[in-house]
N, C-alpha and C. Protein backbone atom coordinates (compact mmCIF):
# COMPACT_ATOMS: atom_id res chain seq x y z
N MET A 1 5.45 19.83 -3.05
CA MET A 1 4.10 20.16 -2.87
C MET A 1 2.90 20.39 -3.53
N GLY A 2 3.52 20.16 -4.84
CA GLY A 2 3.31 19.58 -6.53
C GLY A 2 1.91 20.25 -6.34
N ARG A 3 0.45 19.58 -6.00
CA ARG A 3 -0.54 20.62 -6.67
C ARG A 3 -1.90 20.58 -5.71
N PHE A 4 -0.99 19.96 -4.23
CA PHE A 4 -1.48 19.89 -2.51
C PHE A 4 -1.50 21.59 -2.59
N ARG A 5 -3.16 21.56 -1.53
CA ARG A 5 -3.24 23.13 -1.41
C ARG A 5 -2.88 23.15 -0.10
N SER A 6 -2.57 22.54 0.59
CA SER A 6 -1.66 22.64 2.20
C SER A 6 -0.79 22.05 2.12
N PRO A 7 0.15 22.29 3.45
CA PRO A 7 1.29 21.11 3.38
C PRO A 7 0.52 19.92 4.16
N GLY A 8 -0.76 20.35 5.37
CA GLY A 8 -1.56 19.32 5.68
C GLY A 8 -1.99 18.44 5.37
N GLN A 9 -2.19 18.44 3.70
CA GLN A 9 -3.00 17.28 3.32
C GLN A 9 -1.96 17.32 2.39
N ALA A 10 -1.32 17.67 1.95
CA ALA A 10 -0.23 16.68 1.11
C ALA A 10 0.66 15.60 2.52
N GLN A 11 0.98 16.12 3.49
CA GLN A 11 1.03 15.23 4.80
C GLN A 11 0.13 14.12 5.10
N ARG A 12 -0.84 14.50 5.24
CA ARG A 12 -1.92 13.57 4.96
C ARG A 12 -2.43 12.25 3.79
N PHE A 13 -1.87 12.63 2.96
CA PHE A 13 -2.05 12.00 1.30
C PHE A 13 -0.44 11.03 1.81
N LEU A 14 0.21 11.41 2.01
CA LEU A 14 1.64 10.84 1.79
C LEU A 14 2.07 10.06 3.05
N SER A 15 0.73 9.64 4.38
CA SER A 15 0.97 9.26 4.75
C SER A 15 0.36 8.04 4.56
N VAL A 16 -1.41 7.63 3.84
CA VAL A 16 -1.78 7.17 3.70
C VAL A 16 -0.91 6.12 2.58
N HIS A 17 -0.40 7.45 1.61
CA HIS A 17 0.41 6.34 -0.06
C HIS A 17 1.47 5.64 0.93
N ASP A 18 2.65 6.17 1.84
CA ASP A 18 3.97 5.33 2.41
C ASP A 18 3.32 4.20 2.55
N GLN A 19 2.08 3.57 3.44
CA GLN A 19 1.93 2.23 3.67
C GLN A 19 1.06 1.68 2.95
N THR A 20 0.79 2.08 2.35
CA THR A 20 -0.01 0.81 0.85
C THR A 20 0.91 0.71 -0.03
N ALA A 21 1.61 1.63 -0.25
CA ALA A 21 3.08 1.51 -1.01
C ALA A 21 3.98 0.03 -0.68
N ALA A 22 3.99 0.53 0.48
CA ALA A 22 4.91 -0.90 1.35
C ALA A 22 4.09 -2.04 1.80
N LEU A 23 2.53 -1.54 1.58
CA LEU A 23 1.76 -3.16 1.60
C LEU A 23 1.65 -4.27 0.04
N PHE A 24 2.17 -2.94 -0.94
CA PHE A 24 2.03 -2.99 -2.64
C PHE A 24 3.70 -2.98 -2.43
N ARG A 25 4.33 -3.16 -2.30
CA ARG A 25 5.70 -3.47 -3.06
C ARG A 25 6.72 -4.04 -1.52
N PRO A 26 7.01 -5.24 -1.24
CA PRO A 26 7.52 -5.93 -0.49
C PRO A 26 9.23 -5.77 -1.51
N LYS A 27 10.27 -5.98 -0.24
CA LYS A 27 11.86 -5.39 -0.53
C LYS A 27 11.97 -7.02 -1.37
N ARG A 28 12.54 -6.16 -3.17
CA ARG A 28 12.06 -8.35 -3.33
C ARG A 28 13.27 -8.04 -3.71
N HIS A 29 14.45 -8.15 -3.50
CA HIS A 29 15.54 -8.19 -3.03
C HIS A 29 15.85 -9.05 -2.52
N ARG A 30 15.15 -8.49 -1.24
CA ARG A 30 15.53 -9.64 0.50
C ARG A 30 14.63 -10.91 0.11
N LEU A 31 13.41 -11.17 -1.75
CA LEU A 31 13.14 -12.54 -1.27
C LEU A 31 13.06 -13.17 -2.80
N SER A 32 12.44 -14.88 -2.31
CA SER A 32 12.90 -15.59 -3.36
C SER A 32 11.25 -15.78 -4.35
N ALA A 33 11.04 -16.03 -5.26
CA ALA A 33 10.34 -15.22 -6.81
C ALA A 33 9.07 -15.89 -5.99
N ARG A 34 8.71 -17.36 -5.20
CA ARG A 34 7.85 -17.89 -4.77
C ARG A 34 7.37 -17.10 -3.19
N SER A 35 8.27 -16.43 -2.85
CA SER A 35 8.23 -15.73 -1.47
C SER A 35 7.22 -14.77 -2.20
N TYR A 36 8.52 -14.20 -2.77
CA TYR A 36 7.28 -12.56 -3.41
C TYR A 36 6.26 -12.25 -4.18
N ARG A 37 6.12 -13.72 -4.76
CA ARG A 37 4.57 -14.17 -5.52
C ARG A 37 3.78 -14.04 -4.02
N HIS A 38 3.89 -14.66 -2.94
CA HIS A 38 3.31 -15.25 -1.77
C HIS A 38 2.98 -13.53 -1.31
N ALA A 39 3.60 -13.03 -1.30
CA ALA A 39 3.76 -12.08 -0.55
C ALA A 39 2.68 -11.09 -1.11
N ARG A 40 2.80 -10.51 -2.80
CA ARG A 40 1.61 -10.07 -3.11
C ARG A 40 0.41 -10.59 -3.26
N ALA A 41 0.78 -11.88 -3.29
CA ALA A 41 -0.56 -12.10 -3.14
C ALA A 41 -1.46 -11.99 -1.68
N ASP A 42 -0.74 -12.18 -0.95
CA ASP A 42 -1.55 -11.43 0.74
C ASP A 42 -1.70 -10.56 0.47
N ALA A 43 -0.69 -9.35 0.02
CA ALA A 43 -1.38 -7.77 -0.40
C ALA A 43 -2.42 -7.53 -0.99
N PHE A 44 -3.10 -8.18 -2.02
CA PHE A 44 -3.91 -7.89 -2.39
C PHE A 44 -5.64 -8.23 -1.47
N GLU A 45 -4.77 -10.08 -0.49
CA GLU A 45 -5.88 -10.39 -0.51
C GLU A 45 -6.64 -9.15 1.10
N ILE A 46 -5.37 -8.90 1.38
CA ILE A 46 -5.98 -7.59 2.51
C ILE A 46 -5.97 -6.65 1.80
N TRP A 47 -5.33 -5.94 0.92
CA TRP A 47 -6.75 -4.99 0.39
C TRP A 47 -8.28 -4.78 0.18
N ALA A 48 -8.24 -6.72 -0.08
CA ALA A 48 -9.71 -7.00 -0.82
C ALA A 48 -10.11 -6.58 0.73
N GLU A 49 -9.88 -7.31 1.96
CA GLU A 49 -10.94 -7.51 2.84
C GLU A 49 -11.08 -5.44 3.13
N TYR A 50 -10.30 -5.01 3.14
CA TYR A 50 -10.57 -3.32 3.46
C TYR A 50 -11.53 -2.59 2.27
N ALA A 51 -11.64 -2.96 1.30
CA ALA A 51 -12.50 -2.78 0.22
C ALA A 51 -13.79 -3.52 0.45
N ARG A 52 -13.56 -4.17 1.07
CA ARG A 52 -15.22 -5.06 1.67
C ARG A 52 -15.65 -4.10 3.24
N GLU A 53 -14.72 -4.42 4.00
CA GLU A 53 -15.39 -3.42 5.13
C GLU A 53 -15.48 -1.75 4.84
N LEU A 54 -15.00 -1.50 4.12
CA LEU A 54 -15.08 -0.08 3.36
C LEU A 54 -16.68 0.37 2.75
N ILE A 55 -17.18 -1.49 2.17
CA ILE A 55 -18.44 -1.04 1.25
C ILE A 55 -19.76 -0.98 2.24
N ALA A 56 -19.26 -2.69 2.62
CA ALA A 56 -20.31 -3.20 4.48
C ALA A 56 -20.58 -2.07 5.36
């Protein structure tokens, strides 16, 4: 549990972290270099859209 105050807090963090990590770390061993670069670029575009929605 590390430094989390409760198991619920740890679970909330880990559930969000898992989704974010999956977005930014595609399965590289299954992709060509070109596809990997495109996947990463798409991930950053999606993240930028989320950030803009949170600010607005």
